[in-house]
Amino acid sequence: MTTESRSPGGALAPGPSLPDTTRLGIVRLQVAGLDRSLEWYGRVLGFRTLSRESGVAALAAHGGDTVLIELREQAGARPAPRRGVLGLYHFAILLPDRAALGRFVTHLAAVGERAGASNHLVSEALYLTDPDGLGIEVYADLPRSSWRREGNELQMATAPLDLESVVAASGGHPWTGMPNGTVIGHVHLHVGDIEEASRLYHEALGFDVMVSSYPGARFLSAGGYHHHLGLNTWASAGASAAGDDDARLLEWTIVLPNDDSIRQVAKHVSARGYAVRDAGNSVVIIDPWGTSVRLLPETVE
């Protein structure tokens, strides 16, 4: 844990900041039909099924055995609306380089899958929706040396993406599935109140605030990354949390260096008045809108 200043700036957590090596791990999703989801995640996104049993499947990139996504079947689960429900806005799959993103763009055109596209000044991104209406971003980072700052804040935007340039970066090579080196880059949540969410994720958990001027949103990270977590209030007024019978985010995972760092974070979160559940080799925290985040040490994942 550290409270030292880090590049590229932002509002440091008022208590101990998360370690610079913090990263995200498995995203667990509830889906209505496992067969349908596995077909889509394989055909469109290019994941391979690492394991499947009793209504649960684990997905990984090609060339690696690290589980990135876990799908859990809840037969007949209601589709997730894009607005109006608190919880997942999207989870984001970070490709290893721009060439991979260019190959993915070409692949989406070949399979006839529609996607949104944006240049965020720190990354270039595509946006899709899975068969249950769950939001997904697939992106590649721009070089950190190109990230711009204004005062103490990182500059992010939603600008048009130069798809021609991205495709050219592929060098004409075909998409062969999610490449080795793919990770979960960030999670973006609909919350009921930005300040209340920041009290948990920034003040208690220890993420630094990187961007606070984006309308209706806040972006937080560890180690100077542009964001590991996005928070927004773009769901409709009075929105409620996703329920047990909805397609939804069940849990997202933060991976910390070791057991000691887990204990330090858990102690600080508990001292701030939030419930922390001990789950053996991990701890689980539930935010005010019912979203679960699990803290795991590197040695466990």
Protein backbone atom coordinates (compact mmCIF):
# COMPACT_ATOMS: atom_id res chain seq x y z
CA MET A 1 0.00 0.00 0.00
CA THR A 2 1.24 3.48 -0.76
CA THR A 3 0.16 7.09 -0.51
CA GLU A 4 3.00 8.40 -2.66
CA SER A 5 2.22 10.52 -5.72
CA ARG A 6 2.00 8.63 -8.98
CA SER A 7 1.91 9.58 -12.65
CA PRO A 8 -0.21 10.72 -14.44
CA GLY A 9 -1.88 12.44 -11.52
CA GLY A 10 -5.33 12.48 -10.00
CA ALA A 11 -6.81 12.69 -6.51
CA LEU A 12 -5.04 10.16 -4.33
CA ALA A 13 -7.11 8.12 -1.92
CA PRO A 14 -7.32 9.95 1.44
CA GLY A 15 -6.11 6.81 3.20
CA PRO A 16 -3.79 4.12 1.84
CA SER A 17 -3.98 3.84 -1.96
CA LEU A 18 -4.18 0.44 -3.58
CA PRO A 19 -0.80 -1.01 -4.64
CA ASP A 20 0.49 0.10 -8.01
CA THR A 21 0.44 -3.52 -9.22
CA THR A 22 -3.31 -3.88 -8.61
CA ARG A 23 -5.16 -5.42 -11.53
CA LEU A 24 -8.58 -6.87 -12.24
CA GLY A 25 -9.36 -10.57 -12.38
CA ILE A 26 -12.39 -12.72 -13.20
CA VAL A 27 -15.73 -11.17 -14.09
CA ARG A 28 -18.68 -13.42 -13.12
CA LEU A 29 -21.92 -13.01 -15.07
CA GLN A 30 -25.39 -14.46 -14.74
CA VAL A 31 -26.88 -15.42 -18.11
CA ALA A 32 -30.19 -16.93 -19.23
CA GLY A 33 -28.82 -19.73 -21.38
CA LEU A 34 -25.31 -21.14 -21.19
CA ASP A 35 -25.34 -22.72 -24.66
CA ARG A 36 -26.42 -19.47 -26.29
CA SER A 37 -23.85 -17.43 -24.39
CA LEU A 38 -20.97 -19.81 -25.07
CA GLU A 39 -21.75 -19.79 -28.79
CA TRP A 40 -21.75 -15.98 -28.85
CA TYR A 41 -18.68 -15.48 -26.67
CA GLY A 42 -16.80 -17.95 -28.84
CA ARG A 43 -18.01 -16.87 -32.29
CA VAL A 44 -18.09 -13.11 -31.75
CA LEU A 45 -15.50 -12.39 -29.07
CA GLY A 46 -13.21 -15.33 -29.77
CA PHE A 47 -12.96 -16.81 -26.29
CA ARG A 48 -12.35 -20.50 -25.73
CA THR A 49 -14.22 -22.54 -23.14
CA LEU A 50 -11.73 -23.72 -20.55
CA SER A 51 -14.23 -25.71 -18.48
CA ARG A 52 -17.94 -26.35 -18.17
CA GLU A 53 -19.99 -28.17 -15.54
CA SER A 54 -23.26 -27.80 -13.65
CA GLY A 55 -24.37 -24.65 -15.44
CA VAL A 56 -21.05 -22.83 -15.03
CA ALA A 57 -18.45 -22.20 -17.74
CA ALA A 58 -15.00 -20.58 -17.57
CA LEU A 59 -13.64 -18.65 -20.55
CA ALA A 60 -10.05 -17.84 -21.43
CA ALA A 61 -8.06 -16.31 -24.26
CA HIS A 62 -6.28 -18.56 -26.75
CA GLY A 63 -2.77 -19.51 -25.68
CA GLY A 64 -3.44 -18.94 -21.99
CA ASP A 65 -5.21 -20.71 -19.13
CA THR A 66 -6.15 -17.68 -17.04
CA VAL A 67 -9.91 -17.52 -16.57
CA LEU A 68 -11.18 -14.08 -17.55
CA ILE A 69 -14.96 -14.60 -17.60
CA GLU A 70 -17.18 -17.03 -15.74
CA LEU A 71 -20.73 -17.56 -17.00
CA ARG A 72 -23.37 -18.89 -14.61
CA GLU A 73 -26.71 -20.01 -15.98
CA GLN A 74 -29.97 -18.85 -14.43
CA ALA A 75 -32.54 -20.32 -16.82
CA GLY A 76 -34.98 -17.70 -18.02
CA ALA A 77 -33.11 -14.74 -16.53
CA ARG A 78 -34.54 -11.44 -17.73
CA PRO A 79 -32.41 -9.53 -20.26
CA ALA A 80 -30.40 -6.63 -18.90
CA PRO A 81 -31.68 -3.22 -20.08
CA ARG A 82 -29.03 -0.72 -21.20
CA ARG A 83 -30.50 1.90 -18.84
CA GLY A 84 -32.69 1.85 -15.79
CA VAL A 85 -30.96 -0.79 -13.66
CA LEU A 86 -28.08 -0.26 -11.25
CA GLY A 87 -25.10 -2.58 -11.49
CA LEU A 88 -23.15 -3.36 -14.64
CA TYR A 89 -22.80 -0.72 -17.35
CA HIS A 90 -20.08 -2.72 -19.08
CA PHE A 91 -17.00 -4.78 -18.37
CA ALA A 92 -13.98 -4.15 -20.54
CA ILE A 93 -11.64 -6.60 -22.25
CA LEU A 94 -8.16 -5.14 -22.81
CA LEU A 95 -6.33 -6.47 -25.86
CA PRO A 96 -2.51 -6.56 -25.82
CA ASP A 97 -2.04 -4.06 -28.67
CA ARG A 98 -3.64 -1.93 -31.39
CA ALA A 99 -2.93 -4.57 -34.05
CA ALA A 100 -5.18 -7.02 -32.19
CA LEU A 101 -7.93 -4.39 -32.05
CA GLY A 102 -7.59 -3.91 -35.82
CA ARG A 103 -7.96 -7.64 -36.38
CA PHE A 104 -11.02 -7.66 -34.14
CA VAL A 105 -12.66 -4.83 -36.11
CA THR A 106 -12.24 -6.81 -39.33
CA HIS A 107 -13.57 -9.93 -37.65
CA LEU A 108 -16.73 -8.16 -36.44
CA ALA A 109 -17.46 -7.02 -39.98
CA ALA A 110 -16.95 -10.58 -41.25
CA VAL A 111 -19.44 -12.08 -38.76
CA GLY A 112 -21.92 -9.23 -39.19
CA GLU A 113 -21.78 -8.04 -35.57
CA ARG A 114 -22.54 -4.38 -34.94
CA ALA A 115 -20.48 -2.36 -32.46
CA GLY A 116 -20.11 1.18 -31.26
CA ALA A 117 -16.67 2.79 -31.45
CA SER A 118 -14.88 5.59 -29.57
CA ASN A 119 -11.52 7.22 -29.10
CA HIS A 120 -11.15 8.02 -25.39
CA LEU A 121 -7.77 9.81 -25.77
CA VAL A 122 -6.21 7.16 -23.54
CA SER A 123 -7.61 4.15 -25.41
CA GLU A 124 -9.50 3.09 -28.53
CA ALA A 125 -12.63 1.07 -27.90
CA LEU A 126 -15.45 -0.96 -29.41
CA TYR A 127 -18.75 -1.55 -27.62
CA LEU A 128 -20.98 -4.60 -27.93
CA THR A 129 -23.95 -6.16 -26.16
CA ASP A 130 -24.11 -9.88 -25.44
CA PRO A 131 -27.27 -12.00 -25.99
CA ASP A 132 -28.52 -11.08 -22.50
CA GLY A 133 -28.05 -7.35 -22.99
CA LEU A 134 -24.86 -7.15 -20.90
CA GLY A 135 -22.51 -4.40 -21.99
CA ILE A 136 -18.99 -5.25 -23.15
CA GLU A 137 -16.10 -3.04 -24.22
CA VAL A 138 -13.15 -4.41 -26.19
CA TYR A 139 -10.27 -1.96 -26.29
CA ALA A 140 -6.57 -1.28 -26.67
CA ASP A 141 -4.64 1.35 -24.75
CA LEU A 142 -2.86 4.21 -26.44
CA PRO A 143 0.73 4.76 -25.25
CA ARG A 144 0.90 6.35 -21.80
CA SER A 145 3.27 8.94 -23.22
CA SER A 146 0.36 10.27 -25.32
CA TRP A 147 -2.08 10.66 -22.41
CA ARG A 148 -2.81 14.33 -21.73
CA ARG A 149 -3.39 16.05 -18.42
CA GLU A 150 -5.07 19.27 -17.45
CA GLY A 151 -3.98 20.33 -14.01
CA ASN A 152 -4.22 17.28 -11.78
CA GLU A 153 -6.70 15.43 -13.97
CA LEU A 154 -6.26 12.98 -16.84
CA GLN A 155 -8.06 13.99 -20.01
CA MET A 156 -10.60 11.51 -21.35
CA ALA A 157 -13.33 12.00 -23.95
CA THR A 158 -15.70 10.16 -26.25
CA ALA A 159 -14.49 11.09 -29.72
CA PRO A 160 -14.91 9.39 -33.12
CA LEU A 161 -12.62 6.41 -33.67
CA ASP A 162 -10.49 6.30 -36.83
CA LEU A 163 -11.49 2.76 -37.79
CA GLU A 164 -9.42 2.85 -41.00
CA SER A 165 -6.27 3.54 -39.04
CA VAL A 166 -7.09 0.86 -36.48
CA VAL A 167 -7.69 -1.75 -39.19
CA ALA A 168 -4.44 -0.75 -40.92
CA ALA A 169 -2.58 -1.49 -37.68
CA SER A 170 -3.52 -5.17 -38.07
CA GLY A 171 -1.15 -5.48 -41.02
CA GLY A 172 -3.77 -7.53 -42.83
CA HIS A 173 -3.46 -10.46 -40.41
CA PRO A 174 -6.67 -12.36 -39.62
CA TRP A 175 -8.39 -12.59 -36.25
CA THR A 176 -7.71 -15.98 -34.67
CA GLY A 177 -9.55 -15.46 -31.37
CA MET A 178 -8.79 -13.55 -28.22
CA PRO A 179 -5.00 -13.41 -28.15
CA ASN A 180 -2.72 -14.43 -25.33
CA GLY A 181 -2.11 -11.40 -23.14
CA THR A 182 -5.75 -10.33 -23.12
CA VAL A 183 -6.96 -9.25 -19.66
CA ILE A 184 -9.94 -7.63 -17.97
CA GLY A 185 -9.01 -3.97 -18.11
CA HIS A 186 -11.81 -2.30 -16.19
CA VAL A 187 -15.38 -2.51 -14.95
CA HIS A 188 -17.89 0.32 -15.34
CA LEU A 189 -20.90 0.47 -13.02
CA HIS A 190 -24.25 2.24 -12.89
CA VAL A 191 -24.52 3.59 -9.32
CA GLY A 192 -27.20 5.54 -7.51
CA ASP A 193 -24.92 8.33 -6.30
CA ILE A 194 -21.38 9.24 -7.37
CA GLU A 195 -20.32 10.66 -4.01
CA GLU A 196 -21.64 7.68 -2.09
CA ALA A 197 -19.87 5.32 -4.48
CA SER A 198 -16.65 7.31 -4.10
CA ARG A 199 -16.81 6.99 -0.32
CA LEU A 200 -16.53 3.23 -0.75
CA TYR A 201 -14.30 2.81 -3.77
CA HIS A 202 -12.05 5.85 -3.33
CA GLU A 203 -11.97 6.72 0.37
CA ALA A 204 -12.35 3.22 1.83
CA LEU A 205 -11.08 0.77 -0.79
CA GLY A 206 -8.23 2.99 -1.96
CA PHE A 207 -8.65 3.66 -5.68
CA ASP A 208 -7.30 7.04 -6.81
CA VAL A 209 -9.62 9.35 -8.75
CA MET A 210 -8.22 10.00 -12.23
CA VAL A 211 -11.15 11.85 -13.83
CA SER A 212 -13.97 13.64 -12.01
CA SER A 213 -15.06 16.24 -14.60
CA TYR A 214 -16.71 13.81 -17.06
CA PRO A 215 -20.48 14.52 -17.00
CA GLY A 216 -22.25 12.15 -14.62
CA ALA A 217 -19.24 9.88 -14.22
CA ARG A 218 -16.01 9.34 -12.30
CA PHE A 219 -13.02 7.19 -13.23
CA LEU A 220 -10.75 5.57 -10.64
CA SER A 221 -7.60 3.47 -10.77
CA ALA A 222 -4.51 2.16 -9.07
CA GLY A 223 -0.95 2.85 -10.16
CA GLY A 224 -1.77 5.76 -12.47
CA TYR A 225 -3.78 3.71 -14.97
CA HIS A 226 -6.57 5.65 -16.72
CA HIS A 227 -9.22 3.58 -14.94
CA HIS A 228 -9.83 0.20 -13.43
CA LEU A 229 -13.30 1.34 -12.35
CA GLY A 230 -15.86 3.65 -13.92
CA LEU A 231 -18.85 4.94 -11.97
CA ASN A 232 -21.82 6.70 -13.53
CA THR A 233 -25.31 7.93 -12.73
CA TRP A 234 -26.65 7.51 -16.26
CA ALA A 235 -29.34 5.00 -15.26
CA SER A 236 -32.80 6.53 -14.98
CA ALA A 237 -33.78 8.38 -11.80
CA GLY A 238 -35.04 6.01 -9.15
CA ALA A 239 -33.44 2.97 -10.81
CA SER A 240 -33.19 -0.15 -8.68
CA ALA A 241 -30.46 -2.78 -8.50
CA ALA A 242 -30.51 -5.80 -10.81
CA GLY A 243 -32.34 -8.71 -9.13
CA ASP A 244 -31.73 -12.40 -8.64
CA ASP A 245 -33.69 -13.27 -11.79
CA ASP A 246 -31.95 -10.75 -14.04
CA ALA A 247 -28.99 -11.25 -16.33
CA ARG A 248 -26.36 -9.31 -14.43
CA LEU A 249 -22.88 -8.91 -13.06
CA LEU A 250 -22.59 -11.30 -10.13
CA GLU A 251 -19.11 -10.27 -9.07
CA TRP A 252 -15.95 -8.57 -10.25
CA THR A 253 -12.49 -9.25 -8.87
CA ILE A 254 -9.57 -7.10 -7.77
CA VAL A 255 -6.22 -8.92 -7.60
CA LEU A 256 -3.75 -7.60 -5.02
CA PRO A 257 -0.12 -8.66 -4.52
CA ASN A 258 -0.47 -10.84 -1.42
CA ASP A 259 -2.47 -11.77 1.69
CA ASP A 260 -1.01 -8.87 3.65
CA SER A 261 -2.29 -6.31 1.16
CA ILE A 262 -5.74 -7.97 1.29
CA ARG A 263 -5.76 -7.68 5.09
CA GLN A 264 -4.75 -4.02 5.00
CA VAL A 265 -7.46 -3.11 2.52
CA ALA A 266 -10.11 -5.12 4.36
CA LYS A 267 -9.18 -3.47 7.65
CA HIS A 268 -9.45 0.02 6.17
CA VAL A 269 -12.78 -0.73 4.45
CA SER A 270 -14.18 -2.16 7.68
CA ALA A 271 -12.97 0.86 9.67
CA ARG A 272 -14.94 3.06 7.29
CA GLY A 273 -18.11 1.22 8.26
CA TYR A 274 -18.53 -1.19 5.35
CA ALA A 275 -19.21 -4.89 5.80
CA VAL A 276 -16.36 -7.16 4.73
CA ARG A 277 -17.01 -10.90 4.39
CA ASP A 278 -14.11 -13.28 4.89
CA ALA A 279 -14.25 -15.94 2.17
CA GLY A 280 -11.19 -18.00 3.10
CA ASN A 281 -8.51 -17.00 0.62
CA SER A 282 -10.36 -13.81 -0.33
CA VAL A 283 -12.69 -11.13 1.04
CA VAL A 284 -15.95 -9.88 -0.46
CA ILE A 285 -17.38 -6.36 -0.24
CA ILE A 286 -20.88 -5.47 -1.45
CA ASP A 287 -21.46 -1.89 -2.55
CA PRO A 288 -24.61 0.10 -1.62
CA TRP A 289 -26.36 -1.09 -4.81
CA GLY A 290 -25.68 -4.78 -4.36
CA THR A 291 -22.62 -5.19 -6.61
CA SER A 292 -20.07 -7.64 -5.16
CA VAL A 293 -16.34 -7.13 -5.48
CA ARG A 294 -13.92 -9.86 -4.37
CA LEU A 295 -10.33 -9.12 -3.33
CA LEU A 296 -7.91 -11.91 -4.16
CA PRO A 297 -4.13 -12.25 -3.75
CA GLU A 298 -2.01 -13.00 -6.83
CA THR A 299 -1.15 -16.45 -5.48
CA VAL A 300 -4.79 -17.60 -5.56
CA GLU A 301 -6.12 -16.60 -8.98
